[in-house]
């Protein structure tokens, strides 16, 4: 895995985990009873983005390390996904 591939994999993993963590423990303005004029009642009251970013970074790093380990040293390769036999070895002439 190249450095660029590792960075892209981490970025995609981080944002996917962030979108999963973002709605967890969210309290809306309607639930808190303090709706700011001009906003929806379903808007977050206190989004706690710093806390969620830290949680996301911890989980994304662990998931990224596992995925990178499988890619670099793992027992599975691209040829293991060849269910239709299209990657048969080429015979030299």
PDB file of N, CA and C in Angstrom:
ATOM      1  N   UNK A   1       0.852  -1.164   0.000  1.00  0.00           N
ATOM      2  CA  UNK A   1       0.000   0.000   0.000  1.00  0.00           C
ATOM      3  C   UNK A   1       0.903   1.234   0.000  1.00  0.00           C
ATOM      4  N   UNK A   2       0.595   2.146  -0.880  1.00  0.00           N
ATOM      5  CA  UNK A   2       1.373   3.378  -0.950  1.00  0.00           C
ATOM      6  C   UNK A   2       0.911   4.351   0.142  1.00  0.00           C
ATOM      7  N   UNK A   3       1.693   5.374   0.354  1.00  0.00           N
ATOM      8  CA  UNK A   3       1.347   6.385   1.358  1.00  0.00           C
ATOM      9  C   UNK A   3       0.048   7.091   0.967  1.00  0.00           C
ATOM     10  N   UNK A   4      -0.087   7.391  -0.304  1.00  0.00           N
ATOM     11  CA  UNK A   4      -1.309   8.057  -0.768  1.00  0.00           C
ATOM     12  C   UNK A   4      -2.528   7.176  -0.553  1.00  0.00           C
ATOM     13  N   UNK A   5      -2.411   5.890  -0.840  1.00  0.00           N
ATOM     14  CA  UNK A   5      -3.529   4.967  -0.628  1.00  0.00           C
ATOM     15  C   UNK A   5      -3.879   4.868   0.851  1.00  0.00           C
ATOM     16  N   UNK A   6      -2.882   4.883   1.706  1.00  0.00           N
ATOM     17  CA  UNK A   6      -3.132   4.823   3.149  1.00  0.00           C
ATOM     18  C   UNK A   6      -3.864   6.079   3.630  1.00  0.00           C
ATOM     19  N   UNK A   7      -3.476   7.232   3.111  1.00  0.00           N
ATOM     20  CA  UNK A   7      -4.129   8.489   3.495  1.00  0.00           C
ATOM     21  C   UNK A   7      -5.568   8.515   3.000  1.00  0.00           C
ATOM     22  N   UNK A   8      -5.802   8.082   1.773  1.00  0.00           N
ATOM     23  CA  UNK A   8      -7.157   8.047   1.231  1.00  0.00           C
ATOM     24  C   UNK A   8      -8.020   7.064   2.014  1.00  0.00           C
ATOM     25  N   UNK A   9      -7.482   5.893   2.332  1.00  0.00           N
ATOM     26  CA  UNK A   9      -8.227   4.909   3.108  1.00  0.00           C
ATOM     27  C   UNK A   9      -8.583   5.460   4.484  1.00  0.00           C
ATOM     28  N   UNK A  10      -7.647   6.143   5.122  1.00  0.00           N
ATOM     29  CA  UNK A  10      -7.927   6.718   6.443  1.00  0.00           C
ATOM     30  C   UNK A  10      -8.990   7.817   6.341  1.00  0.00           C
ATOM     31  N   UNK A  11      -8.891   8.665   5.325  1.00  0.00           N
ATOM     32  CA  UNK A  11      -9.861   9.750   5.170  1.00  0.00           C
ATOM     33  C   UNK A  11     -11.274   9.216   4.948  1.00  0.00           C
ATOM     34  N   UNK A  12     -11.408   8.240   4.075  1.00  0.00           N
ATOM     35  CA  UNK A  12     -12.723   7.660   3.813  1.00  0.00           C
ATOM     36  C   UNK A  12     -13.260   6.979   5.067  1.00  0.00           C
ATOM     37  N   UNK A  13     -12.390   6.252   5.766  1.00  0.00           N
ATOM     38  CA  UNK A  13     -12.802   5.578   7.000  1.00  0.00           C
ATOM     39  C   UNK A  13     -13.218   6.594   8.051  1.00  0.00           C
ATOM     40  N   UNK A  14     -12.454   7.664   8.200  1.00  0.00           N
ATOM     41  CA  UNK A  14     -12.760   8.675   9.211  1.00  0.00           C
ATOM     42  C   UNK A  14     -14.134   9.293   8.958  1.00  0.00           C
ATOM     43  N   UNK A  15     -14.401   9.685   7.716  1.00  0.00           N
ATOM     44  CA  UNK A  15     -15.680  10.329   7.424  1.00  0.00           C
ATOM     45  C   UNK A  15     -16.848   9.361   7.540  1.00  0.00           C
ATOM     46  N   UNK A  16     -16.650   8.108   7.166  1.00  0.00           N
ATOM     47  CA  UNK A  16     -17.734   7.137   7.325  1.00  0.00           C
ATOM     48  C   UNK A  16     -18.061   6.922   8.806  1.00  0.00           C
ATOM     49  N   UNK A  17     -17.036   6.813   9.629  1.00  0.00           N
ATOM     50  CA  UNK A  17     -17.261   6.655  11.068  1.00  0.00           C
ATOM     51  C   UNK A  17     -17.883   7.933  11.644  1.00  0.00           C
ATOM     52  N   UNK A  18     -17.446   9.089  11.166  1.00  0.00           N
ATOM     53  CA  UNK A  18     -17.987  10.361  11.651  1.00  0.00           C
ATOM     54  C   UNK A  18     -19.486  10.457  11.372  1.00  0.00           C
ATOM     55  N   UNK A  19     -19.911  10.035  10.176  1.00  0.00           N
ATOM     56  CA  UNK A  19     -21.338  10.099   9.854  1.00  0.00           C
ATOM     57  C   UNK A  19     -22.149   9.090  10.659  1.00  0.00           C
ATOM     58  N   UNK A  20     -21.511   8.052  11.154  1.00  0.00           N
ATOM     59  CA  UNK A  20     -22.210   7.111  12.041  1.00  0.00           C
ATOM     60  C   UNK A  20     -22.300   7.683  13.448  1.00  0.00           C
ATOM     61  N   UNK A  21     -21.230   8.322  13.914  1.00  0.00           N
ATOM     62  CA  UNK A  21     -21.169   8.849  15.280  1.00  0.00           C
ATOM     63  C   UNK A  21     -21.981  10.141  15.431  1.00  0.00           C
ATOM     64  N   UNK A  22     -22.099  10.909  14.360  1.00  0.00           N
ATOM     65  CA  UNK A  22     -22.731  12.227  14.440  1.00  0.00           C
ATOM     66  C   UNK A  22     -24.125  12.233  15.070  1.00  0.00           C
ATOM     67  N   UNK A  23     -25.035  11.343  14.717  1.00  0.00           N
ATOM     68  CA  UNK A  23     -26.366  11.427  15.337  1.00  0.00           C
ATOM     69  C   UNK A  23     -26.481  10.781  16.718  1.00  0.00           C
ATOM     70  N   UNK A  24     -25.441  10.148  17.209  1.00  0.00           N
ATOM     71  CA  UNK A  24     -25.523   9.483  18.508  1.00  0.00           C
ATOM     72  C   UNK A  24     -25.624  10.503  19.635  1.00  0.00           C
ATOM     73  N   UNK A  25     -26.518  10.246  20.581  1.00  0.00           N
ATOM     74  CA  UNK A  25     -26.751  11.101  21.754  1.00  0.00           C
ATOM     75  C   UNK A  25     -27.045  12.553  21.390  1.00  0.00           C
ATOM     76  N   UNK A  26     -27.724  12.749  20.275  1.00  0.00           N
ATOM     77  CA  UNK A  26     -28.064  14.105  19.859  1.00  0.00           C
ATOM     78  C   UNK A  26     -29.344  14.546  20.557  1.00  0.00           C
ATOM     79  N   UNK A  27     -29.309  15.713  21.134  1.00  0.00           N
ATOM     80  CA  UNK A  27     -30.489  16.313  21.765  1.00  0.00           C
ATOM     81  C   UNK A  27     -30.920  17.471  20.871  1.00  0.00           C
ATOM     82  N   UNK A  28     -32.154  17.412  20.394  1.00  0.00           N
ATOM     83  CA  UNK A  28     -32.627  18.470  19.504  1.00  0.00           C
ATOM     84  C   UNK A  28     -33.073  19.686  20.311  1.00  0.00           C
ATOM     85  N   UNK A  29     -33.214  20.805  19.605  1.00  0.00           N
ATOM     86  CA  UNK A  29     -33.676  22.021  20.268  1.00  0.00           C
ATOM     87  C   UNK A  29     -35.109  21.852  20.754  1.00  0.00           C
ATOM     88  N   UNK A  30     -35.888  21.079  20.018  1.00  0.00           N
ATOM     89  CA  UNK A  30     -37.266  20.828  20.439  1.00  0.00           C
ATOM     90  C   UNK A  30     -37.326  20.012  21.719  1.00  0.00           C
ATOM     91  N   UNK A  31     -36.426  19.021  21.844  1.00  0.00           N
ATOM     92  CA  UNK A  31     -36.390  18.214  23.067  1.00  0.00           C
ATOM     93  C   UNK A  31     -35.889  19.025  24.247  1.00  0.00           C
ATOM     94  N   UNK A  32     -34.945  19.944  23.992  1.00  0.00           N
ATOM     95  CA  UNK A  32     -34.397  20.770  25.068  1.00  0.00           C
ATOM     96  C   UNK A  32     -35.342  21.910  25.438  1.00  0.00           C
ATOM     97  N   UNK A  33     -36.295  22.214  24.567  1.00  0.00           N
ATOM     98  CA  UNK A  33     -37.251  23.286  24.850  1.00  0.00           C
ATOM     99  C   UNK A  33     -36.700  24.669  24.588  1.00  0.00           C
ATOM    100  N   UNK A  34     -35.613  24.779  23.852  1.00  0.00           N
ATOM    101  CA  UNK A  34     -34.999  26.081  23.552  1.00  0.00           C
ATOM    102  C   UNK A  34     -34.786  26.202  22.049  1.00  0.00           C
ATOM    103  N   UNK A  35     -35.856  26.455  21.303  1.00  0.00           N
ATOM    104  CA  UNK A  35     -35.755  26.587  19.847  1.00  0.00           C
ATOM    105  C   UNK A  35     -35.331  28.012  19.510  1.00  0.00           C
ATOM    106  N   UNK A  36     -34.189  28.126  18.835  1.00  0.00           N
ATOM    107  CA  UNK A  36     -33.676  29.432  18.422  1.00  0.00           C
ATOM    108  C   UNK A  36     -34.502  29.907  17.230  1.00  0.00           C
ATOM    109  N   UNK A  37     -34.958  31.151  17.243  1.00  0.00           N
ATOM    110  CA  UNK A  37     -35.752  31.651  16.118  1.00  0.00           C
ATOM    111  C   UNK A  37     -34.967  31.535  14.803  1.00  0.00           C
ATOM    112  N   UNK A  38     -35.652  31.035  13.770  1.00  0.00           N
ATOM    113  CA  UNK A  38     -35.024  30.875  12.464  1.00  0.00           C
ATOM    114  C   UNK A  38     -34.436  29.492  12.237  1.00  0.00           C
ATOM    115  N   UNK A  39     -34.506  28.607  13.228  1.00  0.00           N
ATOM    116  CA  UNK A  39     -33.999  27.242  13.069  1.00  0.00           C
ATOM    117  C   UNK A  39     -35.141  26.253  13.267  1.00  0.00           C
ATOM    118  N   UNK A  40     -34.917  25.031  12.828  1.00  0.00           N
ATOM    119  CA  UNK A  40     -35.911  23.978  13.007  1.00  0.00           C
ATOM    120  C   UNK A  40     -35.819  23.428  14.429  1.00  0.00           C
ATOM    121  N   UNK A  41     -36.902  22.863  14.880  1.00  0.00           N
ATOM    122  CA  UNK A  41     -36.914  22.259  16.216  1.00  0.00           C
ATOM    123  C   UNK A  41     -36.048  21.005  16.251  1.00  0.00           C
ATOM    124  N   UNK A  42     -35.781  20.415  15.075  1.00  0.00           N
ATOM    125  CA  UNK A  42     -34.952  19.213  15.028  1.00  0.00           C
ATOM    126  C   UNK A  42     -33.456  19.525  14.926  1.00  0.00           C
ATOM    127  N   UNK A  43     -33.090  20.785  14.962  1.00  0.00           N
ATOM    128  CA  UNK A  43     -31.669  21.160  14.955  1.00  0.00           C
ATOM    129  C   UNK A  43     -31.029  20.760  16.276  1.00  0.00           C
ATOM    130  N   UNK A  44     -29.751  20.384  16.254  1.00  0.00           N
ATOM    131  CA  UNK A  44     -29.108  19.978  17.506  1.00  0.00           C
ATOM    132  C   UNK A  44     -29.016  21.131  18.504  1.00  0.00           C
ATOM    133  N   UNK A  45     -29.272  20.813  19.747  1.00  0.00           N
ATOM    134  CA  UNK A  45     -29.152  21.801  20.819  1.00  0.00           C
ATOM    135  C   UNK A  45     -27.682  22.035  21.147  1.00  0.00           C
ATOM    136  N   UNK A  46     -26.951  20.972  21.382  1.00  0.00           N
ATOM    137  CA  UNK A  46     -25.507  21.037  21.634  1.00  0.00           C
ATOM    138  C   UNK A  46     -24.860  19.892  20.852  1.00  0.00           C
ATOM    139  N   UNK A  47     -24.312  20.165  19.660  1.00  0.00           N
ATOM    140  CA  UNK A  47     -23.831  19.073  18.807  1.00  0.00           C
ATOM    141  C   UNK A  47     -22.606  18.335  19.336  1.00  0.00           C
ATOM    142  N   UNK A  48     -21.828  18.918  20.224  1.00  0.00           N
ATOM    143  CA  UNK A  48     -20.638  18.291  20.815  1.00  0.00           C
ATOM    144  C   UNK A  48     -19.688  17.758  19.735  1.00  0.00           C
ATOM    145  N   UNK A  49     -19.371  18.607  18.760  1.00  0.00           N
ATOM    146  CA  UNK A  49     -18.560  18.167  17.628  1.00  0.00           C
ATOM    147  C   UNK A  49     -17.144  17.778  18.020  1.00  0.00           C
ATOM    148  N   UNK A  50     -16.544  18.474  18.987  1.00  0.00           N
ATOM    149  CA  UNK A  50     -15.181  18.136  19.396  1.00  0.00           C
ATOM    150  C   UNK A  50     -15.145  16.725  19.997  1.00  0.00           C
ATOM    151  N   UNK A  51     -16.087  16.431  20.862  1.00  0.00           N
ATOM    152  CA  UNK A  51     -16.162  15.102  21.492  1.00  0.00           C
ATOM    153  C   UNK A  51     -16.391  14.020  20.443  1.00  0.00           C
ATOM    154  N   UNK A  52     -17.281  14.288  19.500  1.00  0.00           N
ATOM    155  CA  UNK A  52     -17.574  13.310  18.457  1.00  0.00           C
ATOM    156  C   UNK A  52     -16.400  13.146  17.498  1.00  0.00           C
ATOM    157  N   UNK A  53     -15.642  14.213  17.264  1.00  0.00           N
ATOM    158  CA  UNK A  53     -14.454  14.103  16.414  1.00  0.00           C
ATOM    159  C   UNK A  53     -13.377  13.255  17.090  1.00  0.00           C
ATOM    160  N   UNK A  54     -13.247  13.386  18.406  1.00  0.00           N
ATOM    161  CA  UNK A  54     -12.268  12.575  19.138  1.00  0.00           C
ATOM    162  C   UNK A  54     -12.675  11.099  19.114  1.00  0.00           C
ATOM    163  N   UNK A  55     -13.944  10.833  19.357  1.00  0.00           N
ATOM    164  CA  UNK A  55     -14.441   9.453  19.305  1.00  0.00           C
ATOM    165  C   UNK A  55     -14.250   8.877  17.909  1.00  0.00           C
ATOM    166  N   UNK A  56     -14.557   9.689  16.896  1.00  0.00           N
ATOM    167  CA  UNK A  56     -14.390   9.252  15.510  1.00  0.00           C
ATOM    168  C   UNK A  56     -12.938   8.934  15.204  1.00  0.00           C
ATOM    169  N   UNK A  57     -12.026   9.765  15.663  1.00  0.00           N
ATOM    170  CA  UNK A  57     -10.601   9.549  15.398  1.00  0.00           C
ATOM    171  C   UNK A  57     -10.122   8.257  16.038  1.00  0.00           C
ATOM    172  N   UNK A  58     -10.563   7.977  17.242  1.00  0.00           N
ATOM    173  CA  UNK A  58     -10.151   6.739  17.922  1.00  0.00           C
ATOM    174  C   UNK A  58     -10.661   5.515  17.165  1.00  0.00           C
ATOM    175  N   UNK A  59     -11.956   5.503  16.843  1.00  0.00           N
ATOM    176  CA  UNK A  59     -12.532   4.353  16.145  1.00  0.00           C
ATOM    177  C   UNK A  59     -11.988   4.226  14.726  1.00  0.00           C
ATOM    178  N   UNK A  60     -11.849   5.345  14.026  1.00  0.00           N
ATOM    179  CA  UNK A  60     -11.357   5.293  12.647  1.00  0.00           C
ATOM    180  C   UNK A  60      -9.917   4.808  12.590  1.00  0.00           C
ATOM    181  N   UNK A  61      -9.104   5.203  13.567  1.00  0.00           N
ATOM    182  CA  UNK A  61      -7.715   4.738  13.592  1.00  0.00           C
ATOM    183  C   UNK A  61      -7.649   3.232  13.821  1.00  0.00           C
ATOM    184  N   UNK A  62      -8.468   2.738  14.719  1.00  0.00           N
ATOM    185  CA  UNK A  62      -8.485   1.292  14.973  1.00  0.00           C
ATOM    186  C   UNK A  62      -8.972   0.525  13.746  1.00  0.00           C
ATOM    187  N   UNK A  63     -10.042   0.992  13.121  1.00  0.00           N
ATOM    188  CA  UNK A  63     -10.552   0.325  11.927  1.00  0.00           C
ATOM    189  C   UNK A  63      -9.559   0.414  10.770  1.00  0.00           C
ATOM    190  N   UNK A  64      -8.941   1.587  10.616  1.00  0.00           N
ATOM    191  CA  UNK A  64      -7.953   1.763   9.549  1.00  0.00           C
ATOM    192  C   UNK A  64      -6.757   0.835   9.747  1.00  0.00           C
ATOM    193  N   UNK A  65      -6.295   0.704  10.983  1.00  0.00           N
ATOM    194  CA  UNK A  65      -5.158  -0.183  11.255  1.00  0.00           C
ATOM    195  C   UNK A  65      -5.501  -1.623  10.896  1.00  0.00           C
ATOM    196  N   UNK A  66      -6.711  -2.049  11.227  1.00  0.00           N
ATOM    197  CA  UNK A  66      -7.132  -3.406  10.889  1.00  0.00           C
ATOM    198  C   UNK A  66      -7.225  -3.589   9.374  1.00  0.00           C
ATOM    199  N   UNK A  67      -7.822  -2.624   8.683  1.00  0.00           N
ATOM    200  CA  UNK A  67      -7.937  -2.732   7.228  1.00  0.00           C
ATOM    201  C   UNK A  67      -6.577  -2.680   6.545  1.00  0.00           C
ATOM    202  N   UNK A  68      -5.696  -1.793   7.022  1.00  0.00           N
ATOM    203  CA  UNK A  68      -4.363  -1.696   6.433  1.00  0.00           C
ATOM    204  C   UNK A  68      -3.576  -2.982   6.666  1.00  0.00           C
ATOM    205  N   UNK A  69      -3.730  -3.581   7.830  1.00  0.00           N
ATOM    206  CA  UNK A  69      -3.027  -4.836   8.119  1.00  0.00           C
ATOM    207  C   UNK A  69      -3.519  -5.947   7.197  1.00  0.00           C
ATOM    208  N   UNK A  70      -4.817  -6.008   6.968  1.00  0.00           N
ATOM    209  CA  UNK A  70      -5.353  -7.030   6.073  1.00  0.00           C
ATOM    210  C   UNK A  70      -4.872  -6.791   4.648  1.00  0.00           C
ATOM    211  N   UNK A  71      -4.810  -5.538   4.231  1.00  0.00           N
ATOM    212  CA  UNK A  71      -4.359  -5.232   2.874  1.00  0.00           C
ATOM    213  C   UNK A  71      -2.873  -5.554   2.706  1.00  0.00           C
ATOM    214  N   UNK A  72      -2.061  -5.177   3.681  1.00  0.00           N
ATOM    215  CA  UNK A  72      -0.618  -5.354   3.537  1.00  0.00           C
ATOM    216  C   UNK A  72      -0.184  -6.788   3.821  1.00  0.00           C
ATOM    217  N   UNK A  73      -0.654  -7.378   4.931  1.00  0.00           N
ATOM    218  CA  UNK A  73      -0.168  -8.704   5.337  1.00  0.00           C
ATOM    219  C   UNK A  73      -1.245  -9.775   5.328  1.00  0.00           C
ATOM    220  N   UNK A  74      -2.443  -9.407   4.948  1.00  0.00           N
ATOM    221  CA  UNK A  74      -3.587 -10.299   5.114  1.00  0.00           C
ATOM    222  C   UNK A  74      -3.561 -11.561   4.275  1.00  0.00           C
ATOM    223  N   UNK A  75      -4.388 -12.508   4.671  1.00  0.00           N
ATOM    224  CA  UNK A  75      -4.462 -13.780   3.959  1.00  0.00           C
ATOM    225  C   UNK A  75      -5.295 -13.705   2.681  1.00  0.00           C
ATOM    226  N   UNK A  76      -5.949 -12.572   2.423  1.00  0.00           N
ATOM    227  CA  UNK A  76      -6.797 -12.443   1.251  1.00  0.00           C
ATOM    228  C   UNK A  76      -6.161 -11.509   0.257  1.00  0.00           C
ATOM    229  N   UNK A  77      -6.320 -11.833  -0.997  1.00  0.00           N
ATOM    230  CA  UNK A  77      -5.820 -10.989  -2.061  1.00  0.00           C
ATOM    231  C   UNK A  77      -6.885 -10.798  -3.121  1.00  0.00           C
ATOM    232  N   UNK A  78      -6.537 -10.109  -4.182  1.00  0.00           N
ATOM    233  CA  UNK A  78      -7.483  -9.854  -5.251  1.00  0.00           C
ATOM    234  C   UNK A  78      -7.882 -11.164  -5.918  1.00  0.00           C
ATOM    235  N   UNK A  79      -6.945 -12.092  -6.054  1.00  0.00           N
ATOM    236  CA  UNK A  79      -7.245 -13.371  -6.703  1.00  0.00           C
ATOM    237  C   UNK A  79      -8.249 -14.202  -5.893  1.00  0.00           C
ATOM    238  N   UNK A  80      -8.379 -13.950  -4.615  1.00  0.00           N
ATOM    239  CA  UNK A  80      -9.364 -14.662  -3.809  1.00  0.00           C
ATOM    240  C   UNK A  80     -10.790 -14.220  -4.137  1.00  0.00           C
ATOM    241  N   UNK A  81     -10.934 -13.057  -4.745  1.00  0.00           N
ATOM    242  CA  UNK A  81     -12.240 -12.541  -5.125  1.00  0.00           C
ATOM    243  C   UNK A  81     -12.627 -12.951  -6.541  1.00  0.00           C
ATOM    244  N   UNK A  82     -11.809 -13.746  -7.197  1.00  0.00           N
ATOM    245  CA  UNK A  82     -12.047 -14.174  -8.573  1.00  0.00           C
ATOM    246  C   UNK A  82     -12.997 -15.365  -8.578  1.00  0.00           C
ATOM    247  N   UNK A  83     -14.300 -15.074  -8.502  1.00  0.00           N
ATOM    248  CA  UNK A  83     -15.297 -16.130  -8.422  1.00  0.00           C
ATOM    249  C   UNK A  83     -15.625 -16.745  -9.780  1.00  0.00           C
ATOM    250  N   UNK A  84     -15.307 -16.045 -10.859  1.00  0.00           N
ATOM    251  CA  UNK A  84     -15.676 -16.508 -12.191  1.00  0.00           C
ATOM    252  C   UNK A  84     -14.486 -17.018 -12.994  1.00  0.00           C
ATOM    253  N   UNK A  85     -13.318 -17.106 -12.390  1.00  0.00           N
ATOM    254  CA  UNK A  85     -12.148 -17.660 -13.054  1.00  0.00           C
ATOM    255  C   UNK A  85     -11.586 -16.801 -14.168  1.00  0.00           C
ATOM    256  N   UNK A  86     -11.751 -15.514 -14.099  1.00  0.00           N
ATOM    257  CA  UNK A  86     -11.254 -14.619 -15.144  1.00  0.00           C
ATOM    258  C   UNK A  86      -9.807 -14.219 -14.938  1.00  0.00           C
ATOM    259  N   UNK A  87      -9.243 -14.536 -13.781  1.00  0.00           N
ATOM    260  CA  UNK A  87      -7.858 -14.168 -13.505  1.00  0.00           C
ATOM    261  C   UNK A  87      -6.955 -15.388 -13.527  1.00  0.00           C
ATOM    262  N   UNK A  88      -7.269 -16.301 -14.419  1.00  0.00           N
ATOM    263  CA  UNK A  88      -6.470 -17.522 -14.528  1.00  0.00           C
ATOM    264  C   UNK A  88      -5.034 -17.144 -14.910  1.00  0.00           C
ATOM    265  N   UNK A  89      -4.073 -17.910 -14.432  1.00  0.00           N
ATOM    266  CA  UNK A  89      -2.688 -17.600 -14.764  1.00  0.00           C
ATOM    267  C   UNK A  89      -2.447 -17.657 -16.268  1.00  0.00           C
ATOM    268  N   UNK A  90      -1.692 -16.693 -16.759  1.00  0.00           N
ATOM    269  CA  UNK A  90      -1.343 -16.625 -18.176  1.00  0.00           C
ATOM    270  C   UNK A  90      -0.158 -17.532 -18.422  1.00  0.00           C
ATOM    271  N   UNK A  91      -0.258 -18.376 -19.446  1.00  0.00           N
ATOM    272  CA  UNK A  91       0.850 -19.280 -19.761  1.00  0.00           C
ATOM    273  C   UNK A  91       1.827 -18.592 -20.690  1.00  0.00           C
ATOM    274  N   UNK A  92       3.090 -18.709 -20.367  1.00  0.00           N
ATOM    275  CA  UNK A  92       4.142 -18.112 -21.199  1.00  0.00           C
ATOM    276  C   UNK A  92       4.396 -18.974 -22.410  1.00  0.00           C
ATOM    277  N   UNK A  93       4.682 -18.337 -23.540  1.00  0.00           N
ATOM    278  CA  UNK A  93       4.978 -19.079 -24.782  1.00  0.00           C
ATOM    279  C   UNK A  93       6.419 -19.488 -24.854  1.00  0.00           C
TER     280      UNK A  93
END
